[in-house]
């Protein structure tokens, strides 16, 4: 069994390795600190499980997830994040993730989630499962940010965190003009006029980590 642990913090990767090694005797582990390293590992070897941080440097975890699933559609991917489930889980599941777990979850829940997705199942917390069930039963009322694409959502969050368009372009490896286009789409879809409106919206809804 080969498990790929992807997080930009060495301490987090080592913690995941220790917790999973206790539960999966004989498992081997490889580690990645960037999205490009994740894709490189996936191209070189078959992994039984990928545990992927949503907030990878350079490229968002959701973007990395999509590329991984394009290369190996059957690999189970468990997303980890400090973000609340109701903000990112659905986006990740739609992009092909098998499960979503907050980083502050207990060791037992991590092991349970890993086992379930490797067996072909889906994993979300009981709280999110109940929320999704309620949304299915009730008429769908989308909040403005739910209308954004994954990349538009990322750009909005980075603007709210204080990054300039140039900074965002460097992080995403795109042109400033492209970032400006994403910003314009955010404002249009959310019916807002300025960056200040975006910042206020993000902070009010606690969409930053």
C-alpha atoms as a PDB file:
ATOM      1  CA  UNK A   1       0.000   0.000   0.000  1.00  0.00           C
ATOM      2  CA  UNK A   2       1.380   3.396  -1.014  1.00  0.00           C
ATOM      3  CA  UNK A   3      -0.023   6.617   0.459  1.00  0.00           C
ATOM      4  CA  UNK A   4       0.901  10.055  -0.892  1.00  0.00           C
ATOM      5  CA  UNK A   5       0.791  12.874   1.664  1.00  0.00           C
ATOM      6  CA  UNK A   6       0.592  16.357   0.140  1.00  0.00           C
ATOM      7  CA  UNK A   7       0.932  19.430   2.347  1.00  0.00           C
ATOM      8  CA  UNK A   8       3.338  22.351   2.231  1.00  0.00           C
ATOM      9  CA  UNK A   9       4.201  21.943   5.931  1.00  0.00           C
ATOM     10  CA  UNK A  10       6.662  19.190   6.826  1.00  0.00           C
ATOM     11  CA  UNK A  11       5.316  18.951  10.373  1.00  0.00           C
ATOM     12  CA  UNK A  12       1.793  18.290   9.083  1.00  0.00           C
ATOM     13  CA  UNK A  13       3.023  15.576   6.708  1.00  0.00           C
ATOM     14  CA  UNK A  14       4.975  13.864   9.454  1.00  0.00           C
ATOM     15  CA  UNK A  15       1.992  14.009  11.768  1.00  0.00           C
ATOM     16  CA  UNK A  16      -0.236  12.409   9.125  1.00  0.00           C
ATOM     17  CA  UNK A  17       2.383   9.737   8.484  1.00  0.00           C
ATOM     18  CA  UNK A  18       2.620   8.846  12.182  1.00  0.00           C
ATOM     19  CA  UNK A  19      -1.152   8.616  12.608  1.00  0.00           C
ATOM     20  CA  UNK A  20      -1.695   6.517   9.494  1.00  0.00           C
ATOM     21  CA  UNK A  21       1.301   4.248  10.070  1.00  0.00           C
ATOM     22  CA  UNK A  22      -0.278   3.097  13.332  1.00  0.00           C
ATOM     23  CA  UNK A  23      -3.481   2.117  11.520  1.00  0.00           C
ATOM     24  CA  UNK A  24      -2.111   0.722   8.239  1.00  0.00           C
ATOM     25  CA  UNK A  25       0.640  -1.729   9.087  1.00  0.00           C
ATOM     26  CA  UNK A  26       3.207  -2.072   6.315  1.00  0.00           C
ATOM     27  CA  UNK A  27       2.026   1.000   4.420  1.00  0.00           C
ATOM     28  CA  UNK A  28       4.645   3.006   2.568  1.00  0.00           C
ATOM     29  CA  UNK A  29       4.503   6.787   2.338  1.00  0.00           C
ATOM     30  CA  UNK A  30       5.715   9.416  -0.095  1.00  0.00           C
ATOM     31  CA  UNK A  31       5.459  13.140   0.534  1.00  0.00           C
ATOM     32  CA  UNK A  32       4.884  16.227  -1.608  1.00  0.00           C
ATOM     33  CA  UNK A  33       5.088  19.892  -0.679  1.00  0.00           C
ATOM     34  CA  UNK A  34       3.732  21.439  -3.884  1.00  0.00           C
ATOM     35  CA  UNK A  35       1.110  20.680  -6.491  1.00  0.00           C
ATOM     36  CA  UNK A  36       3.764  19.974  -9.121  1.00  0.00           C
ATOM     37  CA  UNK A  37       5.380  17.410  -6.811  1.00  0.00           C
ATOM     38  CA  UNK A  38       2.001  15.719  -6.336  1.00  0.00           C
ATOM     39  CA  UNK A  39       1.476  15.424 -10.090  1.00  0.00           C
ATOM     40  CA  UNK A  40       5.047  14.171 -10.531  1.00  0.00           C
ATOM     41  CA  UNK A  41       4.524  11.378  -8.010  1.00  0.00           C
ATOM     42  CA  UNK A  42       1.211  10.400  -9.610  1.00  0.00           C
ATOM     43  CA  UNK A  43       2.851  10.190 -13.048  1.00  0.00           C
ATOM     44  CA  UNK A  44       5.675   7.981 -11.732  1.00  0.00           C
ATOM     45  CA  UNK A  45       3.892   5.493  -9.497  1.00  0.00           C
ATOM     46  CA  UNK A  46       0.508   4.058  -8.599  1.00  0.00           C
ATOM     47  CA  UNK A  47      -0.767   5.301  -5.234  1.00  0.00           C
ATOM     48  CA  UNK A  48      -3.533   3.717  -3.188  1.00  0.00           C
ATOM     49  CA  UNK A  49      -4.505   6.987  -1.516  1.00  0.00           C
ATOM     50  CA  UNK A  50      -3.743  10.694  -1.901  1.00  0.00           C
ATOM     51  CA  UNK A  51      -4.265  12.966   1.078  1.00  0.00           C
ATOM     52  CA  UNK A  52      -4.196  16.493  -0.327  1.00  0.00           C
ATOM     53  CA  UNK A  53      -4.243  19.888   1.372  1.00  0.00           C
ATOM     54  CA  UNK A  54      -6.716  22.336  -0.153  1.00  0.00           C
ATOM     55  CA  UNK A  55      -4.299  25.256   0.251  1.00  0.00           C
ATOM     56  CA  UNK A  56      -1.208  24.211  -1.669  1.00  0.00           C
ATOM     57  CA  UNK A  57       1.358  26.862  -2.637  1.00  0.00           C
ATOM     58  CA  UNK A  58       1.257  28.111  -6.208  1.00  0.00           C
ATOM     59  CA  UNK A  59      -1.798  26.133  -7.289  1.00  0.00           C
ATOM     60  CA  UNK A  60      -4.946  25.485  -5.326  1.00  0.00           C
ATOM     61  CA  UNK A  61      -5.536  21.966  -4.104  1.00  0.00           C
ATOM     62  CA  UNK A  62      -8.719  21.845  -6.185  1.00  0.00           C
ATOM     63  CA  UNK A  63      -6.718  22.519  -9.363  1.00  0.00           C
ATOM     64  CA  UNK A  64      -4.221  19.803  -8.401  1.00  0.00           C
ATOM     65  CA  UNK A  65      -7.105  17.449  -7.628  1.00  0.00           C
ATOM     66  CA  UNK A  66      -8.571  17.928 -11.105  1.00  0.00           C
ATOM     67  CA  UNK A  67      -5.241  17.188 -12.803  1.00  0.00           C
ATOM     68  CA  UNK A  68      -4.676  14.107 -10.639  1.00  0.00           C
ATOM     69  CA  UNK A  69      -8.137  12.748 -11.435  1.00  0.00           C
ATOM     70  CA  UNK A  70      -7.476  13.382 -15.114  1.00  0.00           C
ATOM     71  CA  UNK A  71      -4.334  11.235 -14.896  1.00  0.00           C
ATOM     72  CA  UNK A  72      -5.673   8.509 -12.577  1.00  0.00           C
ATOM     73  CA  UNK A  73      -9.477   8.716 -12.293  1.00  0.00           C
ATOM     74  CA  UNK A  74      -9.710   5.815  -9.851  1.00  0.00           C
ATOM     75  CA  UNK A  75      -7.351   7.110  -7.168  1.00  0.00           C
ATOM     76  CA  UNK A  76      -9.179   7.962  -3.925  1.00  0.00           C
ATOM     77  CA  UNK A  77      -8.373  11.500  -2.796  1.00  0.00           C
ATOM     78  CA  UNK A  78      -9.048  12.741   0.724  1.00  0.00           C
ATOM     79  CA  UNK A  79      -8.898  16.537   0.952  1.00  0.00           C
ATOM     80  CA  UNK A  80      -7.657  18.190   4.140  1.00  0.00           C
ATOM     81  CA  UNK A  81      -8.220  21.826   5.030  1.00  0.00           C
ATOM     82  CA  UNK A  82      -8.413  24.396   7.792  1.00  0.00           C
ATOM     83  CA  UNK A  83     -11.403  25.820   5.920  1.00  0.00           C
ATOM     84  CA  UNK A  84     -14.886  25.044   7.292  1.00  0.00           C
ATOM     85  CA  UNK A  85     -16.535  22.194   5.421  1.00  0.00           C
ATOM     86  CA  UNK A  86     -19.475  24.209   4.155  1.00  0.00           C
ATOM     87  CA  UNK A  87     -17.111  26.498   2.203  1.00  0.00           C
ATOM     88  CA  UNK A  88     -14.930  24.008   0.320  1.00  0.00           C
ATOM     89  CA  UNK A  89     -16.209  20.445   0.732  1.00  0.00           C
ATOM     90  CA  UNK A  90     -18.831  20.554  -2.011  1.00  0.00           C
ATOM     91  CA  UNK A  91     -16.377  22.157  -4.448  1.00  0.00           C
ATOM     92  CA  UNK A  92     -13.852  19.420  -3.721  1.00  0.00           C
ATOM     93  CA  UNK A  93     -16.381  16.591  -4.030  1.00  0.00           C
ATOM     94  CA  UNK A  94     -17.622  17.955  -7.361  1.00  0.00           C
ATOM     95  CA  UNK A  95     -14.022  18.101  -8.583  1.00  0.00           C
ATOM     96  CA  UNK A  96     -13.557  14.386  -7.864  1.00  0.00           C
ATOM     97  CA  UNK A  97     -12.501  14.102  -4.221  1.00  0.00           C
ATOM     98  CA  UNK A  98     -13.671  11.038  -2.317  1.00  0.00           C
ATOM     99  CA  UNK A  99     -13.756  12.832   1.016  1.00  0.00           C
ATOM    100  CA  UNK A 100     -13.123  16.055   2.899  1.00  0.00           C
ATOM    101  CA  UNK A 101     -11.770  16.441   6.409  1.00  0.00           C
ATOM    102  CA  UNK A 102     -10.857  19.436   8.555  1.00  0.00           C
ATOM    103  CA  UNK A 103      -7.281  19.433   9.844  1.00  0.00           C
ATOM    104  CA  UNK A 104      -8.405  19.694  13.445  1.00  0.00           C
ATOM    105  CA  UNK A 105     -10.191  16.327  13.234  1.00  0.00           C
ATOM    106  CA  UNK A 106      -9.159  13.593  15.649  1.00  0.00           C
ATOM    107  CA  UNK A 107      -6.792  10.783  14.635  1.00  0.00           C
ATOM    108  CA  UNK A 108      -9.657   8.280  14.753  1.00  0.00           C
ATOM    109  CA  UNK A 109     -11.657  10.300  12.227  1.00  0.00           C
ATOM    110  CA  UNK A 110      -8.675  10.582   9.877  1.00  0.00           C
ATOM    111  CA  UNK A 111      -8.177   6.822   9.934  1.00  0.00           C
ATOM    112  CA  UNK A 112     -11.911   6.203   9.464  1.00  0.00           C
ATOM    113  CA  UNK A 113     -12.008   8.580   6.491  1.00  0.00           C
ATOM    114  CA  UNK A 114      -8.909   7.022   4.893  1.00  0.00           C
ATOM    115  CA  UNK A 115     -10.329   3.500   5.219  1.00  0.00           C
ATOM    116  CA  UNK A 116     -13.691   4.494   3.787  1.00  0.00           C
ATOM    117  CA  UNK A 117     -12.371   6.242   0.680  1.00  0.00           C
ATOM    118  CA  UNK A 118      -9.896   3.435  -0.044  1.00  0.00           C
ATOM    119  CA  UNK A 119     -12.829   1.020   0.075  1.00  0.00           C
ATOM    120  CA  UNK A 120     -14.535   3.067  -2.621  1.00  0.00           C
ATOM    121  CA  UNK A 121     -16.815   5.129  -0.395  1.00  0.00           C
ATOM    122  CA  UNK A 122     -17.251   8.853   0.202  1.00  0.00           C
ATOM    123  CA  UNK A 123     -16.446  10.577   3.477  1.00  0.00           C
ATOM    124  CA  UNK A 124     -17.742  13.794   4.989  1.00  0.00           C
ATOM    125  CA  UNK A 125     -18.439  14.581   8.627  1.00  0.00           C
ATOM    126  CA  UNK A 126     -21.807  13.822  10.163  1.00  0.00           C
ATOM    127  CA  UNK A 127     -22.505  17.560  10.400  1.00  0.00           C
ATOM    128  CA  UNK A 128     -21.869  18.158   6.702  1.00  0.00           C
ATOM    129  CA  UNK A 129     -23.841  15.061   5.748  1.00  0.00           C
ATOM    130  CA  UNK A 130     -26.869  16.440   7.583  1.00  0.00           C
ATOM    131  CA  UNK A 131     -26.418  19.849   5.945  1.00  0.00           C
ATOM    132  CA  UNK A 132     -26.257  18.331   2.463  1.00  0.00           C
ATOM    133  CA  UNK A 133     -29.352  16.236   3.159  1.00  0.00           C
ATOM    134  CA  UNK A 134     -31.274  19.353   4.224  1.00  0.00           C
ATOM    135  CA  UNK A 135     -30.186  21.220   1.097  1.00  0.00           C
ATOM    136  CA  UNK A 136     -31.459  18.390  -1.107  1.00  0.00           C
ATOM    137  CA  UNK A 137     -34.857  18.531   0.593  1.00  0.00           C
ATOM    138  CA  UNK A 138     -35.173  22.329   0.506  1.00  0.00           C
ATOM    139  CA  UNK A 139     -35.305  24.678  -2.490  1.00  0.00           C
ATOM    140  CA  UNK A 140     -31.790  25.625  -3.542  1.00  0.00           C
ATOM    141  CA  UNK A 141     -30.906  29.204  -2.615  1.00  0.00           C
ATOM    142  CA  UNK A 142     -27.346  30.027  -3.587  1.00  0.00           C
ATOM    143  CA  UNK A 143     -25.299  32.657  -1.824  1.00  0.00           C
ATOM    144  CA  UNK A 144     -23.462  35.000  -4.212  1.00  0.00           C
ATOM    145  CA  UNK A 145     -20.047  33.347  -3.730  1.00  0.00           C
ATOM    146  CA  UNK A 146     -21.500  29.955  -4.671  1.00  0.00           C
ATOM    147  CA  UNK A 147     -21.991  31.295  -8.193  1.00  0.00           C
ATOM    148  CA  UNK A 148     -18.228  31.694  -8.630  1.00  0.00           C
ATOM    149  CA  UNK A 149     -15.964  29.185 -10.331  1.00  0.00           C
ATOM    150  CA  UNK A 150     -13.211  27.636  -8.209  1.00  0.00           C
ATOM    151  CA  UNK A 151     -10.598  29.988  -9.636  1.00  0.00           C
ATOM    152  CA  UNK A 152     -12.832  33.055  -9.192  1.00  0.00           C
ATOM    153  CA  UNK A 153     -13.459  31.996  -5.605  1.00  0.00           C
ATOM    154  CA  UNK A 154      -9.705  31.694  -4.983  1.00  0.00           C
ATOM    155  CA  UNK A 155      -9.051  35.116  -6.493  1.00  0.00           C
ATOM    156  CA  UNK A 156     -11.770  36.684  -4.354  1.00  0.00           C
ATOM    157  CA  UNK A 157     -10.252  35.181  -1.204  1.00  0.00           C
ATOM    158  CA  UNK A 158      -6.763  36.357  -2.123  1.00  0.00           C
ATOM    159  CA  UNK A 159      -8.016  39.883  -2.801  1.00  0.00           C
ATOM    160  CA  UNK A 160      -9.693  39.850   0.602  1.00  0.00           C
ATOM    161  CA  UNK A 161      -6.455  38.675   2.233  1.00  0.00           C
ATOM    162  CA  UNK A 162      -4.709  41.814   0.965  1.00  0.00           C
ATOM    163  CA  UNK A 163      -2.838  40.462  -2.057  1.00  0.00           C
ATOM    164  CA  UNK A 164      -2.431  42.735  -5.074  1.00  0.00           C
ATOM    165  CA  UNK A 165      -3.347  41.602  -8.583  1.00  0.00           C
ATOM    166  CA  UNK A 166       0.367  41.213  -9.288  1.00  0.00           C
ATOM    167  CA  UNK A 167       0.835  39.030  -6.209  1.00  0.00           C
ATOM    168  CA  UNK A 168      -2.124  36.864  -7.204  1.00  0.00           C
ATOM    169  CA  UNK A 169      -0.813  36.516 -10.757  1.00  0.00           C
ATOM    170  CA  UNK A 170       2.519  35.228  -9.396  1.00  0.00           C
ATOM    171  CA  UNK A 171       0.806  32.711  -7.103  1.00  0.00           C
ATOM    172  CA  UNK A 172      -1.465  31.389  -9.843  1.00  0.00           C
ATOM    173  CA  UNK A 173       1.180  31.563 -12.600  1.00  0.00           C
ATOM    174  CA  UNK A 174      -1.063  33.626 -14.867  1.00  0.00           C
ATOM    175  CA  UNK A 175      -0.939  37.167 -16.227  1.00  0.00           C
ATOM    176  CA  UNK A 176      -2.150  40.212 -14.309  1.00  0.00           C
ATOM    177  CA  UNK A 177      -4.686  40.725 -17.092  1.00  0.00           C
ATOM    178  CA  UNK A 178      -6.115  37.255 -16.432  1.00  0.00           C
ATOM    179  CA  UNK A 179      -6.398  37.972 -12.719  1.00  0.00           C
ATOM    180  CA  UNK A 180      -8.118  41.255 -13.523  1.00  0.00           C
ATOM    181  CA  UNK A 181     -10.622  39.314 -15.627  1.00  0.00           C
ATOM    182  CA  UNK A 182     -11.343  36.954 -12.729  1.00  0.00           C
ATOM    183  CA  UNK A 183     -11.823  39.950 -10.446  1.00  0.00           C
ATOM    184  CA  UNK A 184     -14.263  41.531 -12.895  1.00  0.00           C
ATOM    185  CA  UNK A 185     -16.242  38.291 -13.098  1.00  0.00           C
ATOM    186  CA  UNK A 186     -16.422  38.131  -9.299  1.00  0.00           C
ATOM    187  CA  UNK A 187     -17.793  41.660  -9.104  1.00  0.00           C
ATOM    188  CA  UNK A 188     -20.285  41.025 -11.903  1.00  0.00           C
ATOM    189  CA  UNK A 189     -21.593  37.703 -10.576  1.00  0.00           C
ATOM    190  CA  UNK A 190     -21.873  39.012  -7.020  1.00  0.00           C
ATOM    191  CA  UNK A 191     -23.291  42.369  -8.123  1.00  0.00           C
ATOM    192  CA  UNK A 192     -20.605  44.362  -6.341  1.00  0.00           C
ATOM    193  CA  UNK A 193     -18.748  47.505  -7.274  1.00  0.00           C
ATOM    194  CA  UNK A 194     -15.292  47.354  -5.704  1.00  0.00           C
ATOM    195  CA  UNK A 195     -12.624  45.329  -3.921  1.00  0.00           C
ATOM    196  CA  UNK A 196     -13.874  46.805  -0.662  1.00  0.00           C
ATOM    197  CA  UNK A 197     -17.247  45.140  -1.265  1.00  0.00           C
ATOM    198  CA  UNK A 198     -15.515  41.808  -1.832  1.00  0.00           C
ATOM    199  CA  UNK A 199     -13.393  42.176   1.288  1.00  0.00           C
ATOM    200  CA  UNK A 200     -16.412  43.023   3.421  1.00  0.00           C
ATOM    201  CA  UNK A 201     -18.353  40.055   2.045  1.00  0.00           C
ATOM    202  CA  UNK A 202     -15.504  37.589   2.645  1.00  0.00           C
ATOM    203  CA  UNK A 203     -14.879  38.791   6.184  1.00  0.00           C
ATOM    204  CA  UNK A 204     -18.554  38.808   7.138  1.00  0.00           C
ATOM    205  CA  UNK A 205     -18.933  35.186   6.012  1.00  0.00           C
ATOM    206  CA  UNK A 206     -15.566  34.104   7.419  1.00  0.00           C
ATOM    207  CA  UNK A 207     -14.386  32.732   4.081  1.00  0.00           C
ATOM    208  CA  UNK A 208     -10.726  33.167   4.993  1.00  0.00           C
ATOM    209  CA  UNK A 209      -8.839  30.616   7.070  1.00  0.00           C
END
